[in-house]
Structures are given as C-alpha cells and as structure tokens.
Amino acid sequence: MSDNIILEDISYSDVVDLLLERNIVSIFQGRSEAGPRALGNRSILYDPTDPNAREIVNTAKKREWWRPFAASILLEDSHDWFDMGSIKESPYMMYAIPVREEKKKYIPGVLHIDGTCRIQTVTEEQNYHYYNLITEFKNRTGIPLLFNTSLNLAGEVLCHSAIDAVSSLERSSLEYLYNPETRKMVYVKN
C-alpha cells in the first residue's frame, strides 16, 4: 500500500461526522451499478445542506461548474420532501421532482435552479448499508437525504474496481473512500 494511503475502521456515525464537517466521502460497495446513475454503490456523497455543494464537488471531480447533482432519500420520507404526484418511488434516479416549498431552505446543495431535484428513493431491502447511512444522517440532522453523484472524475467512466476508486482519489482532491461492507475507510493524503 502506498505511503499516502491510510486504512481505518469506521462506522456509519463516523462517516456522518465527516459529511457534517463538509468532507466529500466516496462510497464503494457491492456490484457496480448499470445505467446512467450512481445509486449508492459507486457514489460521491456530500452534505446537502451546504449551499456551496455543487461548486465544491464539481471542483473535486474536475467537472464544469454548471453540472447538477442528485439526492438519495429514504423512501418513507420522499413524499414529505418532494411533490411526487403519482410517482410512488424513484429507485433509479430517473425523475427531477419539485422540492416542497417549505423544505427548499434545508437542502440548497441539491436544489436545481427550477426548484427540482433528481432523486433516488432508497429502501433497506434495495441497499442495506446505504439506507442505514442515510438513516444515520437523518437521525443526526433531521434531513433524510444525502447529496449523491457518480464516483468518477470528469471524462472518465464510473469506477468499477477498488483500484479505480483509489486511483481517482489519488488524482483528485477527494480524500475518503468508504466500504460499508467491510466497515473500512481508505484515506488518501493528497
């Protein structure tokens, strides 16, 4: 292992501590997602309450400033935060849904200019560890969602292997890579 890589044991609570300190945390677990979205297995996570979230994460990913982001939300809270209409769930992050007016002030980091957010609804059955991480964030903040974007750098494909993920961290300002299955965090000192 490289001298600039540290491996530590970590809990959901520890990850939430990092997020609340406004650190970007990448998550790498299970099989890679198929399709156009990161759904909690190969994702970059951030605090959705930070109004500067888009700029911070776009800079870290080396992407254009205007690129929007998404949110992963606990399914049971989705209708309280978003005007879902007839949509019961959005597990594949396919819809940009209006944020309820009274909730907009709490999640400026994922709010699009038109007042919508592309969301992924998450259940414990769909993604056990990701669900529990979001639940821990909700328990600490009252906000049942996390800022989510794909684990890759601009112009690159989604990280498929742990080697890809660590390489992305080493070539960017990203520092944390969390694997909830092993409860390990890789910290890359850049």
N, C-alpha and C. Protein backbone atom coordinates (compact mmCIF):
# COMPACT_ATOMS: atom_id res chain seq x y z
N MET A 1 0.85 -1.18 0.00
CA MET A 1 0.00 0.00 0.00
C MET A 1 0.89 1.24 0.00
N SER A 2 0.51 2.22 -0.75
CA SER A 2 1.24 3.48 -0.86
C SER A 2 1.32 4.17 0.49
N ASP A 3 2.38 4.95 0.69
CA ASP A 3 2.56 5.68 1.95
C ASP A 3 1.52 6.75 2.17
N ASN A 4 0.85 7.19 1.11
CA ASN A 4 -0.15 8.25 1.26
C ASN A 4 -1.56 7.70 1.49
N ILE A 5 -1.68 6.37 1.71
CA ILE A 5 -2.98 5.75 1.92
C ILE A 5 -3.05 5.18 3.34
N ILE A 6 -4.13 5.52 4.04
CA ILE A 6 -4.36 5.03 5.40
C ILE A 6 -5.68 4.28 5.39
N LEU A 7 -5.72 3.11 6.02
CA LEU A 7 -6.92 2.30 6.12
C LEU A 7 -7.37 2.27 7.58
N GLU A 8 -8.64 2.61 7.82
CA GLU A 8 -9.16 2.67 9.19
C GLU A 8 -10.51 2.00 9.29
N ASP A 9 -10.83 1.49 10.49
CA ASP A 9 -12.18 1.00 10.77
C ASP A 9 -13.07 2.21 10.98
N ILE A 10 -14.35 2.11 10.54
CA ILE A 10 -15.24 3.27 10.60
C ILE A 10 -16.69 2.81 10.69
N SER A 11 -17.53 3.61 11.33
CA SER A 11 -18.95 3.31 11.48
C SER A 11 -19.77 4.29 10.65
N TYR A 12 -21.08 4.03 10.54
CA TYR A 12 -21.97 4.98 9.87
C TYR A 12 -21.85 6.35 10.53
N SER A 13 -21.80 6.37 11.85
CA SER A 13 -21.70 7.63 12.59
C SER A 13 -20.43 8.39 12.24
N ASP A 14 -19.32 7.66 12.09
CA ASP A 14 -18.05 8.30 11.71
C ASP A 14 -18.15 8.93 10.33
N VAL A 15 -18.82 8.25 9.40
CA VAL A 15 -18.99 8.80 8.05
C VAL A 15 -19.83 10.07 8.11
N VAL A 16 -20.90 10.04 8.89
CA VAL A 16 -21.75 11.23 9.03
C VAL A 16 -20.94 12.38 9.66
N ASP A 17 -20.07 12.07 10.62
CA ASP A 17 -19.19 13.12 11.17
C ASP A 17 -18.40 13.79 10.06
N LEU A 18 -17.81 12.99 9.17
CA LEU A 18 -17.03 13.55 8.06
C LEU A 18 -17.90 14.42 7.16
N LEU A 19 -19.10 13.94 6.85
CA LEU A 19 -20.00 14.72 5.99
C LEU A 19 -20.40 16.03 6.66
N LEU A 20 -20.69 15.99 7.94
CA LEU A 20 -21.09 17.21 8.65
C LEU A 20 -19.93 18.20 8.81
N GLU A 21 -18.71 17.69 8.70
CA GLU A 21 -17.53 18.57 8.69
C GLU A 21 -17.24 19.07 7.28
N ARG A 22 -18.17 18.81 6.37
CA ARG A 22 -18.12 19.24 4.98
C ARG A 22 -16.97 18.59 4.20
N ASN A 23 -16.76 17.31 4.49
CA ASN A 23 -15.84 16.50 3.70
C ASN A 23 -16.64 15.75 2.64
N ILE A 24 -16.02 15.53 1.50
CA ILE A 24 -16.59 14.68 0.47
C ILE A 24 -16.20 13.24 0.81
N VAL A 25 -17.18 12.33 0.79
CA VAL A 25 -16.91 10.93 1.09
C VAL A 25 -17.40 10.08 -0.08
N SER A 26 -16.50 9.32 -0.65
CA SER A 26 -16.88 8.39 -1.72
C SER A 26 -17.30 7.07 -1.07
N ILE A 27 -18.27 6.41 -1.70
CA ILE A 27 -18.70 5.11 -1.20
C ILE A 27 -18.50 4.08 -2.30
N PHE A 28 -17.96 2.94 -1.90
CA PHE A 28 -17.66 1.85 -2.84
C PHE A 28 -18.08 0.56 -2.16
N GLN A 29 -19.08 -0.12 -2.74
CA GLN A 29 -19.55 -1.38 -2.17
C GLN A 29 -20.22 -2.22 -3.24
N GLY A 30 -20.27 -3.51 -3.01
CA GLY A 30 -21.03 -4.43 -3.86
C GLY A 30 -20.69 -4.32 -5.33
N ARG A 31 -21.70 -4.65 -6.13
CA ARG A 31 -21.54 -4.62 -7.58
C ARG A 31 -21.75 -3.21 -8.10
N SER A 32 -21.07 -2.91 -9.18
CA SER A 32 -21.22 -1.61 -9.83
C SER A 32 -22.62 -1.48 -10.42
N GLU A 33 -23.16 -0.27 -10.36
CA GLU A 33 -24.48 -0.03 -10.94
C GLU A 33 -24.41 -0.10 -12.46
N ALA A 34 -25.51 -0.49 -13.06
CA ALA A 34 -25.64 -0.46 -14.52
C ALA A 34 -26.56 0.70 -14.86
N GLY A 35 -26.27 1.41 -15.91
CA GLY A 35 -27.12 2.52 -16.31
C GLY A 35 -26.48 3.86 -16.05
N PRO A 36 -27.25 4.93 -16.20
CA PRO A 36 -26.69 6.28 -16.20
C PRO A 36 -26.51 6.92 -14.83
N ARG A 37 -26.83 6.24 -13.74
CA ARG A 37 -26.84 6.88 -12.43
C ARG A 37 -26.02 6.12 -11.40
N ALA A 38 -25.49 6.85 -10.43
CA ALA A 38 -24.84 6.26 -9.26
C ALA A 38 -25.91 6.07 -8.20
N LEU A 39 -26.05 4.86 -7.70
CA LEU A 39 -27.15 4.55 -6.80
C LEU A 39 -26.68 4.07 -5.42
N GLY A 40 -25.53 4.54 -5.00
CA GLY A 40 -25.07 4.22 -3.65
C GLY A 40 -24.04 3.12 -3.56
N ASN A 41 -23.68 2.53 -4.69
CA ASN A 41 -22.59 1.56 -4.68
C ASN A 41 -21.28 2.15 -5.19
N ARG A 42 -21.38 3.11 -6.09
CA ARG A 42 -20.23 3.85 -6.63
C ARG A 42 -20.62 5.33 -6.65
N SER A 43 -20.61 5.95 -5.48
CA SER A 43 -21.11 7.32 -5.36
C SER A 43 -20.13 8.22 -4.62
N ILE A 44 -20.26 9.49 -4.90
CA ILE A 44 -19.59 10.54 -4.13
C ILE A 44 -20.70 11.22 -3.35
N LEU A 45 -20.53 11.29 -2.04
CA LEU A 45 -21.55 11.83 -1.14
C LEU A 45 -21.06 13.14 -0.52
N TYR A 46 -22.04 13.99 -0.21
CA TYR A 46 -21.73 15.27 0.42
C TYR A 46 -22.95 15.74 1.21
N ASP A 47 -22.74 16.74 2.02
CA ASP A 47 -23.79 17.32 2.86
C ASP A 47 -24.73 18.17 2.00
N PRO A 48 -26.01 17.80 1.88
CA PRO A 48 -26.94 18.55 1.03
C PRO A 48 -27.33 19.92 1.59
N THR A 49 -26.96 20.18 2.84
CA THR A 49 -27.32 21.46 3.45
C THR A 49 -26.35 22.58 3.08
N ASP A 50 -25.23 22.23 2.48
CA ASP A 50 -24.21 23.22 2.13
C ASP A 50 -24.60 23.91 0.82
N PRO A 51 -24.86 25.22 0.84
CA PRO A 51 -25.23 25.92 -0.39
C PRO A 51 -24.11 25.92 -1.44
N ASN A 52 -22.89 25.63 -1.04
CA ASN A 52 -21.75 25.60 -1.97
C ASN A 52 -21.43 24.19 -2.46
N ALA A 53 -22.31 23.26 -2.20
CA ALA A 53 -22.04 21.85 -2.51
C ALA A 53 -21.67 21.62 -3.97
N ARG A 54 -22.45 22.20 -4.88
CA ARG A 54 -22.18 21.99 -6.30
C ARG A 54 -20.77 22.42 -6.68
N GLU A 55 -20.37 23.62 -6.26
CA GLU A 55 -19.05 24.11 -6.60
C GLU A 55 -17.94 23.25 -5.98
N ILE A 56 -18.14 22.86 -4.73
CA ILE A 56 -17.12 22.07 -4.03
C ILE A 56 -16.93 20.72 -4.70
N VAL A 57 -18.03 20.02 -4.97
CA VAL A 57 -17.91 18.68 -5.55
C VAL A 57 -17.50 18.75 -7.02
N ASN A 58 -18.02 19.71 -7.78
CA ASN A 58 -17.60 19.84 -9.17
C ASN A 58 -16.10 20.12 -9.27
N THR A 59 -15.59 20.94 -8.37
CA THR A 59 -14.15 21.22 -8.36
C THR A 59 -13.37 19.94 -8.06
N ALA A 60 -13.81 19.19 -7.07
CA ALA A 60 -13.12 17.95 -6.70
C ALA A 60 -13.16 16.94 -7.84
N LYS A 61 -14.29 16.87 -8.56
CA LYS A 61 -14.43 15.92 -9.67
C LYS A 61 -13.83 16.45 -10.97
N LYS A 62 -13.40 17.73 -10.94
CA LYS A 62 -12.82 18.38 -12.12
C LYS A 62 -13.86 18.50 -13.24
N ARG A 63 -15.12 18.83 -12.84
CA ARG A 63 -16.22 18.97 -13.80
C ARG A 63 -16.60 20.43 -13.97
N GLU A 64 -17.38 20.69 -15.03
CA GLU A 64 -17.89 22.02 -15.29
C GLU A 64 -18.76 22.49 -14.13
N TRP A 65 -18.75 23.78 -13.87
CA TRP A 65 -19.44 24.36 -12.72
C TRP A 65 -20.95 24.17 -12.76
N TRP A 66 -21.54 24.06 -13.94
CA TRP A 66 -22.99 24.03 -14.08
C TRP A 66 -23.60 22.66 -13.91
N ARG A 67 -22.79 21.62 -13.81
CA ARG A 67 -23.34 20.27 -13.72
C ARG A 67 -24.17 20.10 -12.44
N PRO A 68 -25.42 19.65 -12.57
CA PRO A 68 -26.27 19.47 -11.39
C PRO A 68 -26.00 18.14 -10.69
N PHE A 69 -26.58 18.00 -9.53
CA PHE A 69 -26.41 16.78 -8.76
C PHE A 69 -27.76 16.21 -8.37
N ALA A 70 -27.72 15.14 -7.65
CA ALA A 70 -28.92 14.43 -7.25
C ALA A 70 -28.91 14.20 -5.75
N ALA A 71 -29.97 13.60 -5.27
CA ALA A 71 -30.06 13.26 -3.86
C ALA A 71 -30.61 11.85 -3.72
N SER A 72 -30.12 11.15 -2.73
CA SER A 72 -30.67 9.85 -2.36
C SER A 72 -31.44 10.07 -1.07
N ILE A 73 -32.71 9.67 -1.06
CA ILE A 73 -33.60 9.92 0.07
C ILE A 73 -34.27 8.62 0.51
N LEU A 74 -34.51 8.50 1.80
CA LEU A 74 -35.24 7.37 2.32
C LEU A 74 -36.65 7.38 1.72
N LEU A 75 -37.08 6.27 1.16
CA LEU A 75 -38.39 6.20 0.50
C LEU A 75 -39.49 6.69 1.42
N GLU A 76 -39.46 6.31 2.68
CA GLU A 76 -40.55 6.66 3.59
C GLU A 76 -40.66 8.16 3.85
N ASP A 77 -39.62 8.92 3.53
CA ASP A 77 -39.64 10.37 3.71
C ASP A 77 -39.81 11.15 2.41
N SER A 78 -39.77 10.45 1.28
CA SER A 78 -39.73 11.14 -0.01
C SER A 78 -40.95 12.02 -0.26
N HIS A 79 -42.13 11.57 0.10
CA HIS A 79 -43.35 12.35 -0.18
C HIS A 79 -43.46 13.57 0.73
N ASP A 80 -42.78 13.56 1.87
CA ASP A 80 -42.76 14.72 2.76
C ASP A 80 -41.83 15.82 2.24
N TRP A 81 -40.84 15.45 1.47
CA TRP A 81 -39.84 16.40 0.98
C TRP A 81 -40.04 16.81 -0.47
N PHE A 82 -40.70 15.95 -1.26
CA PHE A 82 -40.86 16.18 -2.69
C PHE A 82 -42.32 16.04 -3.09
N ASP A 83 -42.73 16.83 -4.08
CA ASP A 83 -44.08 16.73 -4.62
C ASP A 83 -44.07 15.62 -5.66
N MET A 84 -44.26 14.41 -5.19
CA MET A 84 -44.10 13.21 -6.01
C MET A 84 -45.28 12.96 -6.95
N GLY A 85 -46.40 13.63 -6.74
CA GLY A 85 -47.56 13.39 -7.59
C GLY A 85 -47.95 11.94 -7.55
N SER A 86 -48.06 11.32 -8.72
CA SER A 86 -48.45 9.90 -8.78
C SER A 86 -47.25 8.95 -8.72
N ILE A 87 -46.04 9.50 -8.62
CA ILE A 87 -44.84 8.66 -8.55
C ILE A 87 -44.73 8.10 -7.14
N LYS A 88 -44.69 6.80 -7.02
CA LYS A 88 -44.61 6.16 -5.70
C LYS A 88 -43.17 6.05 -5.20
N GLU A 89 -42.25 5.82 -6.13
CA GLU A 89 -40.84 5.69 -5.78
C GLU A 89 -39.99 6.01 -7.01
N SER A 90 -38.71 6.26 -6.78
CA SER A 90 -37.78 6.58 -7.87
C SER A 90 -36.43 5.91 -7.58
N PRO A 91 -36.39 4.57 -7.58
CA PRO A 91 -35.17 3.87 -7.18
C PRO A 91 -34.01 3.99 -8.16
N TYR A 92 -34.29 4.45 -9.40
CA TYR A 92 -33.22 4.54 -10.40
C TYR A 92 -32.89 5.98 -10.78
N MET A 93 -33.35 6.92 -9.95
CA MET A 93 -33.00 8.33 -10.13
C MET A 93 -33.36 8.84 -11.52
N MET A 94 -34.57 8.55 -11.94
CA MET A 94 -34.98 8.91 -13.29
C MET A 94 -35.80 10.20 -13.37
N TYR A 95 -36.21 10.76 -12.24
CA TYR A 95 -37.11 11.91 -12.27
C TYR A 95 -36.52 13.11 -11.54
N ALA A 96 -36.69 14.29 -12.14
CA ALA A 96 -36.43 15.55 -11.44
C ALA A 96 -37.77 15.98 -10.87
N ILE A 97 -37.85 16.02 -9.55
CA ILE A 97 -39.13 16.20 -8.87
C ILE A 97 -39.09 17.50 -8.06
N PRO A 98 -40.19 18.27 -8.08
CA PRO A 98 -40.21 19.52 -7.31
C PRO A 98 -40.01 19.28 -5.81
N VAL A 99 -39.14 20.09 -5.23
CA VAL A 99 -38.93 20.06 -3.79
C VAL A 99 -40.07 20.85 -3.15
N ARG A 100 -40.64 20.33 -2.09
CA ARG A 100 -41.70 21.06 -1.39
C ARG A 100 -41.17 22.40 -0.91
N GLU A 101 -41.97 23.42 -1.09
CA GLU A 101 -41.53 24.81 -0.82
C GLU A 101 -40.91 24.96 0.57
N GLU A 102 -41.53 24.38 1.57
CA GLU A 102 -41.05 24.55 2.94
C GLU A 102 -39.76 23.78 3.24
N LYS A 103 -39.34 22.92 2.32
CA LYS A 103 -38.12 22.12 2.52
C LYS A 103 -36.91 22.69 1.77
N LYS A 104 -37.14 23.58 0.81
CA LYS A 104 -36.06 24.08 -0.04
C LYS A 104 -34.90 24.67 0.76
N LYS A 105 -35.20 25.39 1.81
CA LYS A 105 -34.15 26.07 2.58
C LYS A 105 -33.20 25.09 3.28
N TYR A 106 -33.63 23.84 3.46
CA TYR A 106 -32.82 22.87 4.17
C TYR A 106 -31.82 22.13 3.28
N ILE A 107 -32.07 22.13 1.96
CA ILE A 107 -31.22 21.31 1.06
C ILE A 107 -30.75 22.10 -0.16
N PRO A 108 -30.13 23.26 0.04
CA PRO A 108 -29.72 24.06 -1.12
C PRO A 108 -28.65 23.39 -1.97
N GLY A 109 -27.91 22.45 -1.41
CA GLY A 109 -26.85 21.79 -2.15
C GLY A 109 -27.32 20.89 -3.27
N VAL A 110 -28.58 20.47 -3.24
CA VAL A 110 -29.11 19.58 -4.27
C VAL A 110 -30.27 20.19 -5.03
N LEU A 111 -30.58 21.43 -4.74
CA LEU A 111 -31.72 22.11 -5.35
C LEU A 111 -31.32 22.69 -6.71
N HIS A 112 -32.05 22.29 -7.76
CA HIS A 112 -31.81 22.85 -9.09
C HIS A 112 -32.42 24.24 -9.16
N ILE A 113 -32.01 25.02 -10.14
CA ILE A 113 -32.47 26.40 -10.29
C ILE A 113 -34.00 26.48 -10.44
N ASP A 114 -34.62 25.43 -10.97
CA ASP A 114 -36.07 25.43 -11.14
C ASP A 114 -36.82 24.86 -9.94
N GLY A 115 -36.12 24.62 -8.83
CA GLY A 115 -36.77 24.13 -7.62
C GLY A 115 -36.99 22.63 -7.58
N THR A 116 -36.36 21.91 -8.51
CA THR A 116 -36.48 20.45 -8.53
C THR A 116 -35.19 19.82 -8.04
N CYS A 117 -35.24 18.51 -7.88
CA CYS A 117 -34.06 17.71 -7.57
C CYS A 117 -34.28 16.35 -8.19
N ARG A 118 -33.27 15.82 -8.83
CA ARG A 118 -33.35 14.45 -9.33
C ARG A 118 -33.09 13.54 -8.13
N ILE A 119 -34.04 12.65 -7.85
CA ILE A 119 -33.91 11.86 -6.63
C ILE A 119 -33.86 10.36 -6.89
N GLN A 120 -33.23 9.70 -5.94
CA GLN A 120 -33.24 8.25 -5.83
C GLN A 120 -33.89 7.92 -4.49
N THR A 121 -34.97 7.17 -4.51
CA THR A 121 -35.55 6.69 -3.26
C THR A 121 -34.84 5.40 -2.87
N VAL A 122 -34.57 5.25 -1.58
CA VAL A 122 -33.78 4.12 -1.09
C VAL A 122 -34.56 3.39 0.00
N THR A 123 -34.60 2.07 -0.11
CA THR A 123 -35.17 1.24 0.95
C THR A 123 -34.07 0.34 1.51
N GLU A 124 -34.32 -0.18 2.69
CA GLU A 124 -33.35 -1.07 3.32
C GLU A 124 -33.15 -2.34 2.50
N GLU A 125 -34.23 -2.80 1.85
CA GLU A 125 -34.14 -4.01 1.03
C GLU A 125 -33.32 -3.78 -0.24
N GLN A 126 -33.39 -2.58 -0.79
CA GLN A 126 -32.65 -2.28 -2.02
C GLN A 126 -31.15 -2.13 -1.76
N ASN A 127 -30.79 -1.46 -0.67
CA ASN A 127 -29.38 -1.18 -0.41
C ASN A 127 -29.21 -0.98 1.09
N TYR A 128 -29.01 -2.05 1.79
CA TYR A 128 -28.98 -2.07 3.26
C TYR A 128 -28.03 -1.03 3.86
N HIS A 129 -26.79 -1.04 3.46
CA HIS A 129 -25.80 -0.14 4.06
C HIS A 129 -26.06 1.32 3.71
N TYR A 130 -26.41 1.58 2.46
CA TYR A 130 -26.68 2.96 2.04
C TYR A 130 -27.89 3.51 2.78
N TYR A 131 -28.92 2.69 2.91
CA TYR A 131 -30.12 3.08 3.66
C TYR A 131 -29.75 3.45 5.10
N ASN A 132 -28.94 2.61 5.72
CA ASN A 132 -28.57 2.86 7.12
C ASN A 132 -27.67 4.08 7.27
N LEU A 133 -26.84 4.36 6.28
CA LEU A 133 -26.03 5.57 6.32
C LEU A 133 -26.92 6.81 6.22
N ILE A 134 -27.88 6.80 5.29
CA ILE A 134 -28.80 7.93 5.17
C ILE A 134 -29.63 8.07 6.45
N THR A 135 -30.04 6.95 7.03
CA THR A 135 -30.80 6.98 8.28
C THR A 135 -29.98 7.62 9.39
N GLU A 136 -28.71 7.32 9.47
CA GLU A 136 -27.84 7.94 10.49
C GLU A 136 -27.75 9.44 10.25
N PHE A 137 -27.64 9.86 8.99
CA PHE A 137 -27.61 11.29 8.68
C PHE A 137 -28.93 11.94 9.12
N LYS A 138 -30.05 11.27 8.85
CA LYS A 138 -31.35 11.79 9.27
C LYS A 138 -31.44 11.88 10.79
N ASN A 139 -30.97 10.86 11.50
CA ASN A 139 -31.02 10.86 12.96
C ASN A 139 -30.23 12.03 13.55
N ARG A 140 -29.16 12.41 12.88
CA ARG A 140 -28.30 13.48 13.39
C ARG A 140 -28.74 14.87 12.96
N THR A 141 -29.42 14.98 11.79
CA THR A 141 -29.72 16.30 11.22
C THR A 141 -31.20 16.57 11.02
N GLY A 142 -32.02 15.52 11.00
CA GLY A 142 -33.43 15.67 10.64
C GLY A 142 -33.66 15.67 9.14
N ILE A 143 -32.60 15.52 8.36
CA ILE A 143 -32.69 15.55 6.89
C ILE A 143 -32.45 14.14 6.35
N PRO A 144 -33.47 13.55 5.70
CA PRO A 144 -33.41 12.14 5.31
C PRO A 144 -32.80 11.89 3.94
N LEU A 145 -31.82 12.70 3.56
CA LEU A 145 -31.23 12.52 2.23
C LEU A 145 -29.77 12.95 2.23
N LEU A 146 -29.05 12.45 1.23
CA LEU A 146 -27.66 12.81 1.00
C LEU A 146 -27.46 13.27 -0.44
N PHE A 147 -26.58 14.22 -0.62
CA PHE A 147 -26.09 14.64 -1.93
C PHE A 147 -25.38 13.43 -2.54
N ASN A 148 -25.65 13.12 -3.81
CA ASN A 148 -25.08 11.94 -4.45
C ASN A 148 -24.71 12.25 -5.90
N THR A 149 -23.53 11.87 -6.28
CA THR A 149 -23.12 11.89 -7.68
C THR A 149 -22.21 10.70 -7.92
N SER A 150 -21.91 10.42 -9.17
CA SER A 150 -21.17 9.21 -9.51
C SER A 150 -19.71 9.29 -9.09
N LEU A 151 -19.17 8.14 -8.71
CA LEU A 151 -17.76 8.02 -8.31
C LEU A 151 -16.92 7.87 -9.58
N ASN A 152 -16.51 9.02 -10.09
CA ASN A 152 -15.61 9.10 -11.24
C ASN A 152 -15.15 10.55 -11.35
N LEU A 153 -14.15 10.78 -12.14
CA LEU A 153 -13.69 12.13 -12.43
C LEU A 153 -14.20 12.52 -13.81
N ALA A 154 -14.17 13.78 -14.13
CA ALA A 154 -14.69 14.28 -15.40
C ALA A 154 -14.08 13.52 -16.57
N GLY A 155 -14.95 13.10 -17.49
CA GLY A 155 -14.50 12.43 -18.69
C GLY A 155 -14.14 10.97 -18.51
N GLU A 156 -14.29 10.43 -17.30
CA GLU A 156 -13.94 9.04 -17.04
C GLU A 156 -15.20 8.23 -16.76
N VAL A 157 -15.11 6.94 -16.97
CA VAL A 157 -16.23 6.05 -16.66
C VAL A 157 -16.33 5.86 -15.16
N LEU A 158 -17.47 5.36 -14.72
CA LEU A 158 -17.70 5.04 -13.32
C LEU A 158 -16.62 4.08 -12.83
N CYS A 159 -16.14 4.28 -11.62
CA CYS A 159 -15.13 3.39 -11.03
C CYS A 159 -15.75 2.01 -10.83
N HIS A 160 -15.16 1.00 -11.45
CA HIS A 160 -15.70 -0.35 -11.32
C HIS A 160 -14.98 -1.16 -10.25
N SER A 161 -13.69 -0.92 -10.07
CA SER A 161 -12.92 -1.69 -9.10
C SER A 161 -12.41 -0.77 -7.99
N ALA A 162 -12.00 -1.39 -6.90
CA ALA A 162 -11.42 -0.62 -5.80
C ALA A 162 -10.15 0.09 -6.26
N ILE A 163 -9.41 -0.52 -7.15
CA ILE A 163 -8.20 0.10 -7.69
C ILE A 163 -8.56 1.37 -8.45
N ASP A 164 -9.63 1.32 -9.27
CA ASP A 164 -10.11 2.51 -9.98
C ASP A 164 -10.47 3.61 -8.99
N ALA A 165 -11.17 3.23 -7.94
CA ALA A 165 -11.64 4.22 -6.96
C ALA A 165 -10.48 4.89 -6.24
N VAL A 166 -9.51 4.11 -5.79
CA VAL A 166 -8.35 4.69 -5.10
C VAL A 166 -7.55 5.56 -6.07
N SER A 167 -7.43 5.13 -7.32
CA SER A 167 -6.74 5.93 -8.32
C SER A 167 -7.42 7.28 -8.51
N SER A 168 -8.75 7.30 -8.53
CA SER A 168 -9.48 8.57 -8.66
C SER A 168 -9.19 9.48 -7.49
N LEU A 169 -9.12 8.92 -6.30
CA LEU A 169 -8.79 9.73 -5.13
C LEU A 169 -7.38 10.30 -5.23
N GLU A 170 -6.45 9.48 -5.65
CA GLU A 170 -5.06 9.92 -5.74
C GLU A 170 -4.86 11.01 -6.79
N ARG A 171 -5.73 11.06 -7.80
CA ARG A 171 -5.60 12.04 -8.89
C ARG A 171 -6.53 13.24 -8.73
N SER A 172 -7.09 13.40 -7.54
CA SER A 172 -8.03 14.50 -7.31
C SER A 172 -7.88 15.00 -5.88
N SER A 173 -8.76 15.90 -5.49
CA SER A 173 -8.75 16.37 -4.11
C SER A 173 -9.68 15.55 -3.23
N LEU A 174 -10.27 14.48 -3.77
CA LEU A 174 -11.06 13.56 -2.95
C LEU A 174 -10.13 12.83 -1.98
N GLU A 175 -10.60 12.63 -0.75
CA GLU A 175 -9.73 12.02 0.25
C GLU A 175 -10.26 10.73 0.87
N TYR A 176 -11.59 10.54 0.90
CA TYR A 176 -12.18 9.44 1.65
C TYR A 176 -12.92 8.47 0.76
N LEU A 177 -12.66 7.18 0.96
CA LEU A 177 -13.34 6.11 0.24
C LEU A 177 -13.84 5.11 1.28
N TYR A 178 -15.16 4.98 1.37
CA TYR A 178 -15.79 4.16 2.40
C TYR A 178 -16.38 2.90 1.81
N ASN A 179 -16.08 1.76 2.44
CA ASN A 179 -16.71 0.50 2.07
C ASN A 179 -17.51 0.01 3.28
N PRO A 180 -18.83 0.20 3.26
CA PRO A 180 -19.64 -0.18 4.43
C PRO A 180 -19.71 -1.69 4.67
N GLU A 181 -19.46 -2.48 3.63
CA GLU A 181 -19.50 -3.94 3.80
C GLU A 181 -18.37 -4.40 4.72
N THR A 182 -17.22 -3.77 4.59
CA THR A 182 -16.07 -4.14 5.42
C THR A 182 -15.89 -3.19 6.60
N ARG A 183 -16.70 -2.10 6.60
CA ARG A 183 -16.60 -1.04 7.60
C ARG A 183 -15.19 -0.45 7.65
N LYS A 184 -14.63 -0.27 6.46
CA LYS A 184 -13.29 0.31 6.32
C LYS A 184 -13.36 1.61 5.54
N MET A 185 -12.50 2.53 5.90
CA MET A 185 -12.35 3.79 5.21
C MET A 185 -10.91 3.89 4.72
N VAL A 186 -10.76 4.20 3.45
CA VAL A 186 -9.45 4.49 2.89
C VAL A 186 -9.32 5.99 2.89
N TYR A 187 -8.28 6.50 3.49
CA TYR A 187 -8.00 7.93 3.49
C TYR A 187 -6.74 8.14 2.66
N VAL A 188 -6.84 8.98 1.63
CA VAL A 188 -5.71 9.27 0.77
C VAL A 188 -5.22 10.68 1.07
N LYS A 189 -4.00 10.78 1.56
CA LYS A 189 -3.39 12.09 1.83
C LYS A 189 -2.84 12.66 0.54
N ASN A 190 -3.47 13.70 0.03
CA ASN A 190 -3.02 14.31 -1.23
C ASN A 190 -2.07 15.47 -0.96
